Amino acid sequence: MMPRVANDDIAPLMGLSPWEYWHKAIADADAADWITVAAYGLAAWLSWRASTHARTDAARIEQYFWQVSAAALIALGINELLDLQALLTGLAKAHAQVNGWYEGRRQVQYVFVIALAVVAVAATALLIWWTRRMPNPIRWAMLGFASIGAFIVVRAASFHHIDDLLGSGWQAFNLGSIQEMAGIAIIGVSALVSAREAQRG
C-alpha cells in the first residue's frame, strides 16, 4: 500500500492525538488496504498453525520461527491499517522544522535509509545463516520477508521517482502493493506447506 497521507499534507495532522490520527487512518482505508490487512492476518494464522505442528524437540527452532513470523505479520498488518509510517514521517518532519534542520533533511534521509538497508541486509544474512539447515518452506518464507523488507526500505527512501514507479499500475493495486502482496503470499504458502509436511511426517 502507498501512504494514504502525502508529506505535504502532514502538517494539519500534527494537531491530532495518536488516537485521532489512527481513527482517521482507519476511516480513510480503502478496499485495497483492507484486502492487504486480511492477507497479513491470513498469513499470520497460517504461520501460527505451522508452529503448532512443529512440536518435536528437533523442530523447536522451526516452531519459534513460525511464531515470530506470525507476530511480525500481525505487526505489519497493524502498520498497514494505521499507516504508522506516515505518522512517523510527519513527526520527523515536525521535529526537523522545530529544530532548524529541515533544509538538510535529505542528508538525514540518506543516512537513515542507508542505515535501514544495512540493518535489513545484516538481519537477512543472519536469518539465512540461521535457517541454512531448515526445511525449504522456511527458506521460502525468508524470501517472502525479504520481499516485504525491500518494499519497506524503498518506501522509506520516499524519493519522488521511486514513488512514481511504485505507484504506477492499477490504482487499487500498484506495483508496490503487488510486491508486498507477493511477499505475503510466499510466506502464507510456505507456512501451509510446512504444516502439511509436519502432518505427513
N, C-alpha and C. Protein backbone atom coordinates (compact mmCIF):
# COMPACT_ATOMS: atom_id res chain seq x y z
N MET A 1 0.84 -1.18 0.00
CA MET A 1 0.00 0.00 0.00
C MET A 1 0.87 1.23 0.00
N MET A 2 0.52 2.24 -0.78
CA MET A 2 1.21 3.52 -0.75
C MET A 2 0.63 4.35 0.39
N PRO A 3 1.41 5.22 1.00
CA PRO A 3 0.91 6.02 2.12
C PRO A 3 -0.33 6.79 1.73
N ARG A 4 -1.33 6.79 2.63
CA ARG A 4 -2.57 7.50 2.35
C ARG A 4 -2.44 9.00 2.59
N VAL A 5 -1.36 9.39 3.30
CA VAL A 5 -1.16 10.81 3.61
C VAL A 5 0.14 11.27 2.97
N ALA A 6 0.08 12.23 2.07
CA ALA A 6 1.28 12.75 1.42
C ALA A 6 2.06 13.62 2.39
N ASN A 7 3.37 13.74 2.13
CA ASN A 7 4.21 14.54 3.02
C ASN A 7 3.69 15.97 3.17
N ASP A 8 3.21 16.56 2.08
CA ASP A 8 2.74 17.94 2.13
C ASP A 8 1.46 18.09 2.93
N ASP A 9 0.79 16.96 3.20
CA ASP A 9 -0.47 17.01 3.94
C ASP A 9 -0.29 16.64 5.40
N ILE A 10 0.97 16.48 5.84
CA ILE A 10 1.22 16.03 7.20
C ILE A 10 0.91 17.11 8.22
N ALA A 11 1.27 18.36 7.91
CA ALA A 11 1.18 19.43 8.90
C ALA A 11 -0.18 19.53 9.59
N PRO A 12 -1.31 19.49 8.85
CA PRO A 12 -2.60 19.59 9.53
C PRO A 12 -2.87 18.46 10.50
N LEU A 13 -2.15 17.34 10.35
CA LEU A 13 -2.41 16.19 11.22
C LEU A 13 -1.61 16.25 12.51
N MET A 14 -0.65 17.19 12.59
CA MET A 14 0.20 17.24 13.77
C MET A 14 -0.57 17.64 15.02
N GLY A 15 -1.72 18.29 14.84
CA GLY A 15 -2.52 18.67 16.00
C GLY A 15 -3.39 17.54 16.52
N LEU A 16 -3.41 16.42 15.82
CA LEU A 16 -4.23 15.29 16.23
C LEU A 16 -3.50 14.44 17.26
N SER A 17 -4.27 13.89 18.20
CA SER A 17 -3.69 12.92 19.12
C SER A 17 -3.45 11.62 18.36
N PRO A 18 -2.58 10.72 18.89
CA PRO A 18 -2.37 9.44 18.20
C PRO A 18 -3.68 8.70 17.95
N TRP A 19 -4.61 8.72 18.93
CA TRP A 19 -5.88 8.03 18.76
C TRP A 19 -6.69 8.64 17.62
N GLU A 20 -6.70 9.98 17.56
CA GLU A 20 -7.44 10.65 16.48
C GLU A 20 -6.81 10.37 15.13
N TYR A 21 -5.47 10.35 15.10
CA TYR A 21 -4.78 10.07 13.84
C TYR A 21 -5.10 8.66 13.38
N TRP A 22 -5.02 7.69 14.30
CA TRP A 22 -5.29 6.30 13.93
C TRP A 22 -6.74 6.12 13.51
N HIS A 23 -7.65 6.83 14.19
CA HIS A 23 -9.06 6.75 13.79
C HIS A 23 -9.23 7.26 12.37
N LYS A 24 -8.53 8.36 12.04
CA LYS A 24 -8.62 8.91 10.69
C LYS A 24 -8.01 7.95 9.68
N ALA A 25 -6.87 7.31 10.06
CA ALA A 25 -6.23 6.36 9.15
C ALA A 25 -7.15 5.19 8.84
N ILE A 26 -7.83 4.67 9.87
CA ILE A 26 -8.76 3.56 9.66
C ILE A 26 -9.93 4.01 8.79
N ALA A 27 -10.43 5.23 9.07
CA ALA A 27 -11.58 5.74 8.30
C ALA A 27 -11.21 5.95 6.84
N ASP A 28 -9.94 6.31 6.57
CA ASP A 28 -9.50 6.58 5.21
C ASP A 28 -9.08 5.32 4.45
N ALA A 29 -9.01 4.19 5.14
CA ALA A 29 -8.58 2.95 4.48
C ALA A 29 -9.56 2.56 3.40
N ASP A 30 -9.01 2.15 2.23
CA ASP A 30 -9.88 1.73 1.14
C ASP A 30 -9.89 0.20 1.05
N ALA A 31 -10.55 -0.31 0.03
CA ALA A 31 -10.70 -1.76 -0.11
C ALA A 31 -9.35 -2.45 -0.25
N ALA A 32 -8.42 -1.83 -0.99
CA ALA A 32 -7.10 -2.43 -1.16
C ALA A 32 -6.37 -2.54 0.17
N ASP A 33 -6.52 -1.53 1.03
CA ASP A 33 -5.89 -1.58 2.36
C ASP A 33 -6.43 -2.74 3.17
N TRP A 34 -7.76 -2.89 3.18
CA TRP A 34 -8.37 -3.95 3.96
C TRP A 34 -8.02 -5.33 3.41
N ILE A 35 -7.91 -5.45 2.10
CA ILE A 35 -7.51 -6.73 1.50
C ILE A 35 -6.09 -7.08 1.93
N THR A 36 -5.20 -6.09 1.94
CA THR A 36 -3.82 -6.33 2.35
C THR A 36 -3.76 -6.70 3.82
N VAL A 37 -4.54 -6.02 4.67
CA VAL A 37 -4.59 -6.35 6.09
C VAL A 37 -5.10 -7.78 6.28
N ALA A 38 -6.14 -8.15 5.53
CA ALA A 38 -6.68 -9.51 5.61
C ALA A 38 -5.63 -10.53 5.18
N ALA A 39 -4.84 -10.19 4.15
CA ALA A 39 -3.78 -11.09 3.69
C ALA A 39 -2.73 -11.28 4.78
N TYR A 40 -2.35 -10.20 5.45
CA TYR A 40 -1.41 -10.31 6.57
C TYR A 40 -2.00 -11.19 7.67
N GLY A 41 -3.28 -10.99 7.98
CA GLY A 41 -3.92 -11.79 9.01
C GLY A 41 -3.96 -13.27 8.66
N LEU A 42 -4.29 -13.58 7.41
CA LEU A 42 -4.33 -14.97 6.97
C LEU A 42 -2.94 -15.60 7.03
N ALA A 43 -1.93 -14.87 6.56
CA ALA A 43 -0.56 -15.39 6.59
C ALA A 43 -0.10 -15.59 8.03
N ALA A 44 -0.51 -14.69 8.94
CA ALA A 44 -0.15 -14.83 10.36
C ALA A 44 -0.80 -16.08 10.95
N TRP A 45 -2.06 -16.31 10.59
CA TRP A 45 -2.75 -17.51 11.10
C TRP A 45 -2.09 -18.78 10.57
N LEU A 46 -1.73 -18.79 9.29
CA LEU A 46 -1.06 -19.95 8.71
C LEU A 46 0.30 -20.18 9.36
N SER A 47 1.00 -19.09 9.69
CA SER A 47 2.30 -19.22 10.36
C SER A 47 2.12 -19.80 11.76
N TRP A 48 1.13 -19.31 12.47
CA TRP A 48 0.88 -19.85 13.83
C TRP A 48 0.47 -21.31 13.75
N ARG A 49 -0.33 -21.63 12.75
CA ARG A 49 -0.75 -23.03 12.56
C ARG A 49 0.46 -23.91 12.28
N ALA A 50 1.39 -23.42 11.48
CA ALA A 50 2.61 -24.17 11.19
C ALA A 50 3.42 -24.39 12.47
N SER A 51 3.43 -23.38 13.36
CA SER A 51 4.19 -23.52 14.60
C SER A 51 3.60 -24.58 15.52
N THR A 52 2.28 -24.76 15.47
CA THR A 52 1.65 -25.75 16.34
C THR A 52 1.92 -27.17 15.88
N HIS A 53 2.30 -27.33 14.61
CA HIS A 53 2.60 -28.67 14.10
C HIS A 53 4.07 -29.03 14.28
N ALA A 54 4.89 -28.07 14.69
CA ALA A 54 6.32 -28.34 14.91
C ALA A 54 6.55 -28.48 16.40
N ARG A 55 6.22 -29.64 16.95
CA ARG A 55 6.23 -29.82 18.39
C ARG A 55 7.38 -30.68 18.91
N THR A 56 8.08 -31.33 18.04
CA THR A 56 9.18 -32.19 18.49
C THR A 56 10.39 -31.32 18.85
N ASP A 57 11.30 -31.88 19.65
CA ASP A 57 12.50 -31.14 20.05
C ASP A 57 13.32 -30.75 18.83
N ALA A 58 13.37 -31.63 17.84
CA ALA A 58 14.15 -31.34 16.64
C ALA A 58 13.56 -30.18 15.86
N ALA A 59 12.26 -29.93 16.03
CA ALA A 59 11.59 -28.87 15.28
C ALA A 59 11.37 -27.63 16.14
N ARG A 60 12.04 -27.56 17.30
CA ARG A 60 11.82 -26.43 18.19
C ARG A 60 12.14 -25.09 17.53
N ILE A 61 13.25 -25.03 16.79
CA ILE A 61 13.62 -23.78 16.12
C ILE A 61 12.59 -23.44 15.06
N GLU A 62 12.08 -24.47 14.37
CA GLU A 62 11.03 -24.22 13.38
C GLU A 62 9.80 -23.62 14.04
N GLN A 63 9.46 -24.14 15.21
CA GLN A 63 8.31 -23.62 15.94
C GLN A 63 8.52 -22.15 16.29
N TYR A 64 9.70 -21.81 16.78
CA TYR A 64 9.99 -20.42 17.11
C TYR A 64 9.93 -19.54 15.86
N PHE A 65 10.45 -20.05 14.76
CA PHE A 65 10.45 -19.27 13.53
C PHE A 65 9.04 -18.90 13.12
N TRP A 66 8.14 -19.86 13.11
CA TRP A 66 6.77 -19.59 12.68
C TRP A 66 6.02 -18.72 13.69
N GLN A 67 6.36 -18.85 14.98
CA GLN A 67 5.74 -17.97 15.97
C GLN A 67 6.18 -16.52 15.77
N VAL A 68 7.49 -16.34 15.54
CA VAL A 68 8.00 -14.99 15.27
C VAL A 68 7.41 -14.45 13.97
N SER A 69 7.26 -15.31 12.98
CA SER A 69 6.67 -14.91 11.71
C SER A 69 5.24 -14.41 11.92
N ALA A 70 4.47 -15.16 12.72
CA ALA A 70 3.09 -14.76 12.98
C ALA A 70 3.04 -13.39 13.66
N ALA A 71 3.91 -13.19 14.66
CA ALA A 71 3.93 -11.90 15.36
C ALA A 71 4.33 -10.77 14.42
N ALA A 72 5.34 -11.01 13.57
CA ALA A 72 5.80 -9.98 12.63
C ALA A 72 4.70 -9.63 11.63
N LEU A 73 3.98 -10.63 11.15
CA LEU A 73 2.92 -10.38 10.18
C LEU A 73 1.77 -9.60 10.81
N ILE A 74 1.46 -9.89 12.06
CA ILE A 74 0.41 -9.12 12.75
C ILE A 74 0.83 -7.66 12.88
N ALA A 75 2.10 -7.45 13.26
CA ALA A 75 2.61 -6.09 13.40
C ALA A 75 2.56 -5.35 12.06
N LEU A 76 2.94 -6.03 10.98
CA LEU A 76 2.91 -5.41 9.66
C LEU A 76 1.47 -5.11 9.23
N GLY A 77 0.54 -5.99 9.60
CA GLY A 77 -0.86 -5.75 9.28
C GLY A 77 -1.41 -4.54 10.02
N ILE A 78 -1.02 -4.39 11.29
CA ILE A 78 -1.44 -3.22 12.06
C ILE A 78 -0.88 -1.95 11.43
N ASN A 79 0.40 -2.00 11.05
CA ASN A 79 1.02 -0.85 10.39
C ASN A 79 0.31 -0.51 9.09
N GLU A 80 -0.08 -1.55 8.36
CA GLU A 80 -0.78 -1.33 7.09
C GLU A 80 -2.09 -0.59 7.31
N LEU A 81 -2.80 -0.94 8.36
CA LEU A 81 -4.10 -0.34 8.62
C LEU A 81 -3.98 1.07 9.20
N LEU A 82 -3.06 1.24 10.16
CA LEU A 82 -2.95 2.51 10.86
C LEU A 82 -2.03 3.51 10.17
N ASP A 83 -1.33 3.05 9.12
CA ASP A 83 -0.47 3.95 8.34
C ASP A 83 0.54 4.65 9.24
N LEU A 84 1.22 3.85 10.09
CA LEU A 84 2.13 4.42 11.08
C LEU A 84 3.33 5.09 10.44
N GLN A 85 3.73 4.60 9.25
CA GLN A 85 4.90 5.23 8.62
C GLN A 85 4.63 6.69 8.27
N ALA A 86 3.38 7.00 7.91
CA ALA A 86 3.04 8.39 7.62
C ALA A 86 3.09 9.23 8.89
N LEU A 87 2.63 8.66 10.01
CA LEU A 87 2.69 9.38 11.27
C LEU A 87 4.14 9.64 11.68
N LEU A 88 5.00 8.63 11.55
CA LEU A 88 6.40 8.80 11.89
C LEU A 88 7.07 9.83 10.98
N THR A 89 6.70 9.79 9.69
CA THR A 89 7.24 10.78 8.76
C THR A 89 6.83 12.19 9.16
N GLY A 90 5.57 12.33 9.55
CA GLY A 90 5.10 13.64 9.97
C GLY A 90 5.78 14.13 11.24
N LEU A 91 5.97 13.24 12.20
CA LEU A 91 6.66 13.62 13.43
C LEU A 91 8.10 14.02 13.15
N ALA A 92 8.77 13.26 12.27
CA ALA A 92 10.16 13.60 11.91
C ALA A 92 10.22 14.95 11.21
N LYS A 93 9.25 15.20 10.34
CA LYS A 93 9.22 16.48 9.62
C LYS A 93 9.00 17.64 10.59
N ALA A 94 8.07 17.44 11.53
CA ALA A 94 7.80 18.49 12.51
C ALA A 94 9.03 18.74 13.39
N HIS A 95 9.70 17.66 13.79
CA HIS A 95 10.92 17.79 14.59
C HIS A 95 11.99 18.56 13.83
N ALA A 96 12.13 18.28 12.53
CA ALA A 96 13.13 18.96 11.70
C ALA A 96 12.83 20.45 11.59
N GLN A 97 11.55 20.77 11.44
CA GLN A 97 11.17 22.18 11.32
C GLN A 97 11.40 22.93 12.62
N VAL A 98 11.06 22.31 13.74
CA VAL A 98 11.21 22.95 15.05
C VAL A 98 12.68 23.16 15.38
N ASN A 99 13.52 22.19 15.02
CA ASN A 99 14.93 22.24 15.41
C ASN A 99 15.85 22.82 14.33
N GLY A 100 15.27 23.31 13.24
CA GLY A 100 16.04 24.06 12.27
C GLY A 100 16.90 23.27 11.31
N TRP A 101 16.66 21.98 11.16
CA TRP A 101 17.46 21.21 10.19
C TRP A 101 16.60 20.66 9.05
N TYR A 102 15.45 21.30 8.83
CA TYR A 102 14.55 20.82 7.77
C TYR A 102 15.19 20.93 6.39
N GLU A 103 15.97 22.03 6.17
CA GLU A 103 16.59 22.22 4.87
C GLU A 103 17.62 21.13 4.57
N GLY A 104 18.21 20.55 5.61
CA GLY A 104 19.20 19.48 5.42
C GLY A 104 18.62 18.10 5.61
N ARG A 105 17.29 18.00 5.47
CA ARG A 105 16.63 16.71 5.74
C ARG A 105 17.05 15.61 4.78
N ARG A 106 17.45 15.99 3.55
CA ARG A 106 17.82 14.98 2.57
C ARG A 106 19.05 14.20 3.02
N GLN A 107 20.01 14.89 3.61
CA GLN A 107 21.20 14.21 4.10
C GLN A 107 20.84 13.24 5.23
N VAL A 108 19.95 13.70 6.13
CA VAL A 108 19.50 12.83 7.21
C VAL A 108 18.75 11.64 6.63
N GLN A 109 17.96 11.90 5.60
CA GLN A 109 17.19 10.84 4.96
C GLN A 109 18.11 9.80 4.34
N TYR A 110 19.16 10.26 3.67
CA TYR A 110 20.12 9.33 3.07
C TYR A 110 20.75 8.44 4.14
N VAL A 111 21.17 9.06 5.24
CA VAL A 111 21.81 8.30 6.32
C VAL A 111 20.83 7.29 6.90
N PHE A 112 19.58 7.72 7.10
CA PHE A 112 18.57 6.82 7.66
C PHE A 112 18.32 5.63 6.74
N VAL A 113 18.16 5.89 5.45
CA VAL A 113 17.87 4.82 4.50
C VAL A 113 19.05 3.86 4.40
N ILE A 114 20.28 4.41 4.37
CA ILE A 114 21.46 3.55 4.31
C ILE A 114 21.55 2.68 5.56
N ALA A 115 21.32 3.29 6.72
CA ALA A 115 21.36 2.53 7.98
C ALA A 115 20.29 1.45 7.98
N LEU A 116 19.09 1.80 7.52
CA LEU A 116 18.00 0.83 7.46
C LEU A 116 18.33 -0.31 6.51
N ALA A 117 18.94 0.02 5.36
CA ALA A 117 19.31 -1.01 4.39
C ALA A 117 20.39 -1.92 4.97
N VAL A 118 21.37 -1.35 5.67
CA VAL A 118 22.44 -2.16 6.27
C VAL A 118 21.86 -3.11 7.31
N VAL A 119 20.97 -2.59 8.15
CA VAL A 119 20.33 -3.44 9.16
C VAL A 119 19.52 -4.54 8.50
N ALA A 120 18.78 -4.20 7.44
CA ALA A 120 17.96 -5.19 6.74
C ALA A 120 18.82 -6.28 6.12
N VAL A 121 19.92 -5.87 5.46
CA VAL A 121 20.82 -6.85 4.84
C VAL A 121 21.46 -7.74 5.90
N ALA A 122 21.91 -7.14 7.01
CA ALA A 122 22.54 -7.91 8.08
C ALA A 122 21.55 -8.89 8.70
N ALA A 123 20.33 -8.42 8.93
CA ALA A 123 19.31 -9.29 9.51
C ALA A 123 18.97 -10.43 8.57
N THR A 124 18.86 -10.12 7.27
CA THR A 124 18.56 -11.16 6.29
C THR A 124 19.68 -12.18 6.22
N ALA A 125 20.93 -11.71 6.21
CA ALA A 125 22.07 -12.63 6.18
C ALA A 125 22.10 -13.52 7.42
N LEU A 126 21.81 -12.92 8.58
CA LEU A 126 21.78 -13.70 9.82
C LEU A 126 20.69 -14.76 9.78
N LEU A 127 19.52 -14.39 9.28
CA LEU A 127 18.41 -15.34 9.23
C LEU A 127 18.67 -16.42 8.20
N ILE A 128 19.31 -16.06 7.08
CA ILE A 128 19.65 -17.08 6.08
C ILE A 128 20.63 -18.09 6.68
N TRP A 129 21.61 -17.58 7.44
CA TRP A 129 22.55 -18.49 8.10
C TRP A 129 21.85 -19.34 9.13
N TRP A 130 20.94 -18.72 9.89
CA TRP A 130 20.22 -19.43 10.95
C TRP A 130 19.33 -20.52 10.37
N THR A 131 18.77 -20.27 9.19
CA THR A 131 17.83 -21.23 8.60
C THR A 131 18.48 -22.10 7.52
N ARG A 132 19.82 -22.12 7.44
CA ARG A 132 20.50 -22.81 6.34
C ARG A 132 20.23 -24.31 6.33
N ARG A 133 19.96 -24.90 7.47
CA ARG A 133 19.71 -26.34 7.54
C ARG A 133 18.23 -26.65 7.76
N MET A 134 17.41 -25.66 7.64
CA MET A 134 15.98 -25.87 7.87
C MET A 134 15.28 -26.27 6.58
N PRO A 135 14.08 -26.78 6.70
CA PRO A 135 13.32 -27.20 5.50
C PRO A 135 13.09 -26.05 4.53
N ASN A 136 12.85 -26.41 3.29
CA ASN A 136 12.65 -25.42 2.24
C ASN A 136 11.52 -24.42 2.51
N PRO A 137 10.38 -24.85 3.14
CA PRO A 137 9.31 -23.86 3.39
C PRO A 137 9.79 -22.66 4.20
N ILE A 138 10.67 -22.90 5.15
CA ILE A 138 11.17 -21.79 5.96
C ILE A 138 12.07 -20.89 5.13
N ARG A 139 12.87 -21.49 4.29
CA ARG A 139 13.75 -20.69 3.43
C ARG A 139 12.94 -19.88 2.43
N TRP A 140 11.85 -20.44 1.94
CA TRP A 140 10.97 -19.70 1.04
C TRP A 140 10.27 -18.57 1.79
N ALA A 141 9.89 -18.83 3.04
CA ALA A 141 9.27 -17.78 3.84
C ALA A 141 10.23 -16.61 4.04
N MET A 142 11.51 -16.92 4.19
CA MET A 142 12.52 -15.87 4.32
C MET A 142 12.55 -15.01 3.06
N LEU A 143 12.37 -15.64 1.90
CA LEU A 143 12.31 -14.89 0.65
C LEU A 143 11.13 -13.93 0.67
N GLY A 144 10.00 -14.40 1.20
CA GLY A 144 8.83 -13.54 1.29
C GLY A 144 9.07 -12.35 2.20
N PHE A 145 9.69 -12.58 3.35
CA PHE A 145 10.00 -11.47 4.26
C PHE A 145 11.01 -10.51 3.62
N ALA A 146 11.96 -11.07 2.85
CA ALA A 146 12.93 -10.21 2.17
C ALA A 146 12.23 -9.30 1.16
N SER A 147 11.21 -9.83 0.47
CA SER A 147 10.46 -9.04 -0.50
C SER A 147 9.73 -7.89 0.21
N ILE A 148 9.09 -8.20 1.33
CA ILE A 148 8.40 -7.16 2.09
C ILE A 148 9.40 -6.15 2.65
N GLY A 149 10.53 -6.67 3.16
CA GLY A 149 11.55 -5.78 3.70
C GLY A 149 12.10 -4.84 2.66
N ALA A 150 12.32 -5.35 1.44
CA ALA A 150 12.82 -4.49 0.36
C ALA A 150 11.80 -3.40 0.04
N PHE A 151 10.52 -3.76 0.04
CA PHE A 151 9.47 -2.78 -0.21
C PHE A 151 9.49 -1.69 0.85
N ILE A 152 9.67 -2.08 2.13
CA ILE A 152 9.68 -1.11 3.22
C ILE A 152 10.87 -0.18 3.11
N VAL A 153 12.05 -0.73 2.78
CA VAL A 153 13.25 0.10 2.65
C VAL A 153 13.08 1.11 1.51
N VAL A 154 12.56 0.64 0.37
CA VAL A 154 12.37 1.52 -0.77
C VAL A 154 11.36 2.61 -0.43
N ARG A 155 10.28 2.24 0.26
CA ARG A 155 9.28 3.24 0.65
C ARG A 155 9.86 4.23 1.63
N ALA A 156 10.76 3.77 2.50
CA ALA A 156 11.38 4.67 3.48
C ALA A 156 12.20 5.74 2.79
N ALA A 157 12.74 5.40 1.60
CA ALA A 157 13.53 6.38 0.86
C ALA A 157 12.66 7.57 0.46
N SER A 158 11.42 7.29 0.05
CA SER A 158 10.44 8.34 -0.26
C SER A 158 10.96 9.34 -1.29
N PHE A 159 11.71 8.84 -2.28
CA PHE A 159 12.14 9.71 -3.36
C PHE A 159 11.04 9.75 -4.41
N HIS A 160 10.83 10.89 -5.00
CA HIS A 160 9.67 11.07 -5.88
C HIS A 160 9.67 10.10 -7.06
N HIS A 161 10.85 9.87 -7.68
CA HIS A 161 10.86 8.99 -8.84
C HIS A 161 10.58 7.55 -8.43
N ILE A 162 10.97 7.18 -7.20
CA ILE A 162 10.66 5.84 -6.70
C ILE A 162 9.17 5.75 -6.40
N ASP A 163 8.63 6.80 -5.78
CA ASP A 163 7.19 6.83 -5.52
C ASP A 163 6.39 6.69 -6.81
N ASP A 164 6.85 7.38 -7.86
CA ASP A 164 6.15 7.31 -9.15
C ASP A 164 6.20 5.89 -9.71
N LEU A 165 7.36 5.22 -9.56
CA LEU A 165 7.49 3.86 -10.08
C LEU A 165 6.60 2.89 -9.31
N LEU A 166 6.67 2.95 -7.97
CA LEU A 166 5.86 2.05 -7.15
C LEU A 166 4.38 2.35 -7.28
N GLY A 167 4.06 3.60 -7.57
CA GLY A 167 2.66 3.98 -7.68
C GLY A 167 2.05 3.74 -9.05
N SER A 168 2.88 3.27 -10.00
CA SER A 168 2.35 3.01 -11.33
C SER A 168 1.57 1.71 -11.35
N GLY A 169 0.75 1.56 -12.37
CA GLY A 169 -0.08 0.36 -12.47
C GLY A 169 -1.51 0.67 -12.11
N TRP A 170 -2.28 -0.38 -11.84
CA TRP A 170 -3.68 -0.23 -11.46
C TRP A 170 -3.77 0.56 -10.17
N GLN A 171 -4.71 1.49 -10.08
CA GLN A 171 -4.78 2.39 -8.95
C GLN A 171 -4.96 1.64 -7.63
N ALA A 172 -5.81 0.62 -7.59
CA ALA A 172 -6.07 -0.09 -6.35
C ALA A 172 -4.86 -0.90 -5.89
N PHE A 173 -4.22 -1.60 -6.84
CA PHE A 173 -3.04 -2.40 -6.51
C PHE A 173 -1.93 -2.03 -7.48
N ASN A 174 -1.09 -1.07 -7.05
CA ASN A 174 0.02 -0.64 -7.89
C ASN A 174 1.20 -1.60 -7.73
N LEU A 175 2.32 -1.26 -8.36
CA LEU A 175 3.47 -2.16 -8.32
C LEU A 175 3.99 -2.40 -6.91
N GLY A 176 3.98 -1.35 -6.09
CA GLY A 176 4.41 -1.52 -4.71
C GLY A 176 3.52 -2.48 -3.95
N SER A 177 2.21 -2.34 -4.13
CA SER A 177 1.26 -3.23 -3.45
C SER A 177 1.41 -4.67 -3.93
N ILE A 178 1.66 -4.84 -5.22
CA ILE A 178 1.84 -6.18 -5.77
C ILE A 178 3.07 -6.84 -5.17
N GLN A 179 4.16 -6.09 -5.02
CA GLN A 179 5.37 -6.64 -4.40
C GLN A 179 5.10 -7.04 -2.96
N GLU A 180 4.38 -6.20 -2.23
CA GLU A 180 4.04 -6.50 -0.84
C GLU A 180 3.16 -7.74 -0.75
N MET A 181 2.13 -7.81 -1.60
CA MET A 181 1.22 -8.96 -1.59
C MET A 181 1.93 -10.24 -2.00
N ALA A 182 2.89 -10.13 -2.92
CA ALA A 182 3.66 -11.31 -3.33
C ALA A 182 4.44 -11.87 -2.15
N GLY A 183 5.07 -10.98 -1.37
CA GLY A 183 5.80 -11.43 -0.19
C GLY A 183 4.89 -12.10 0.81
N ILE A 184 3.72 -11.53 1.04
CA ILE A 184 2.75 -12.13 1.98
C ILE A 184 2.33 -13.50 1.48
N ALA A 185 2.05 -13.61 0.19
CA ALA A 185 1.60 -14.89 -0.39
C ALA A 185 2.68 -15.96 -0.24
N ILE A 186 3.93 -15.59 -0.48
CA ILE A 186 5.02 -16.57 -0.36
C ILE A 186 5.11 -17.09 1.07
N ILE A 187 4.98 -16.20 2.04
CA ILE A 187 5.05 -16.61 3.45
C ILE A 187 3.87 -17.52 3.79
N GLY A 188 2.68 -17.12 3.37
CA GLY A 188 1.49 -17.91 3.68
C GLY A 188 1.55 -19.30 3.08
N VAL A 189 1.93 -19.39 1.82
CA VAL A 189 2.02 -20.70 1.16
C VAL A 189 3.11 -21.54 1.82
N SER A 190 4.22 -20.93 2.17
CA SER A 190 5.31 -21.65 2.83
C SER A 190 4.86 -22.22 4.16
N ALA A 191 4.10 -21.42 4.93
CA ALA A 191 3.58 -21.90 6.21
C ALA A 191 2.61 -23.06 6.01
N LEU A 192 1.77 -22.95 4.99
CA LEU A 192 0.82 -24.02 4.69
C LEU A 192 1.54 -25.31 4.33
N VAL A 193 2.57 -25.21 3.48
CA VAL A 193 3.34 -26.39 3.08
C VAL A 193 4.06 -26.98 4.28
N SER A 194 4.60 -26.14 5.15
CA SER A 194 5.31 -26.61 6.34
C SER A 194 4.37 -27.41 7.25
N ALA A 195 3.16 -26.89 7.45
CA ALA A 195 2.19 -27.59 8.30
C ALA A 195 1.80 -28.94 7.70
N ARG A 196 1.60 -28.98 6.40
CA ARG A 196 1.22 -30.24 5.75
C ARG A 196 2.35 -31.26 5.80
N GLU A 197 3.58 -30.79 5.62
CA GLU A 197 4.73 -31.72 5.70
C GLU A 197 4.86 -32.26 7.11
N ALA A 198 4.60 -31.43 8.13
CA ALA A 198 4.67 -31.89 9.50
C ALA A 198 3.59 -32.92 9.80
N GLN A 199 2.40 -32.73 9.24
CA GLN A 199 1.31 -33.68 9.44
C GLN A 199 1.63 -35.03 8.79
N ARG A 200 2.25 -34.98 7.61
CA ARG A 200 2.61 -36.22 6.92
C ARG A 200 3.73 -36.95 7.66
N GLY A 201 4.64 -36.16 8.27
CA GLY A 201 5.78 -36.76 8.96
C GLY A 201 5.42 -37.35 10.30
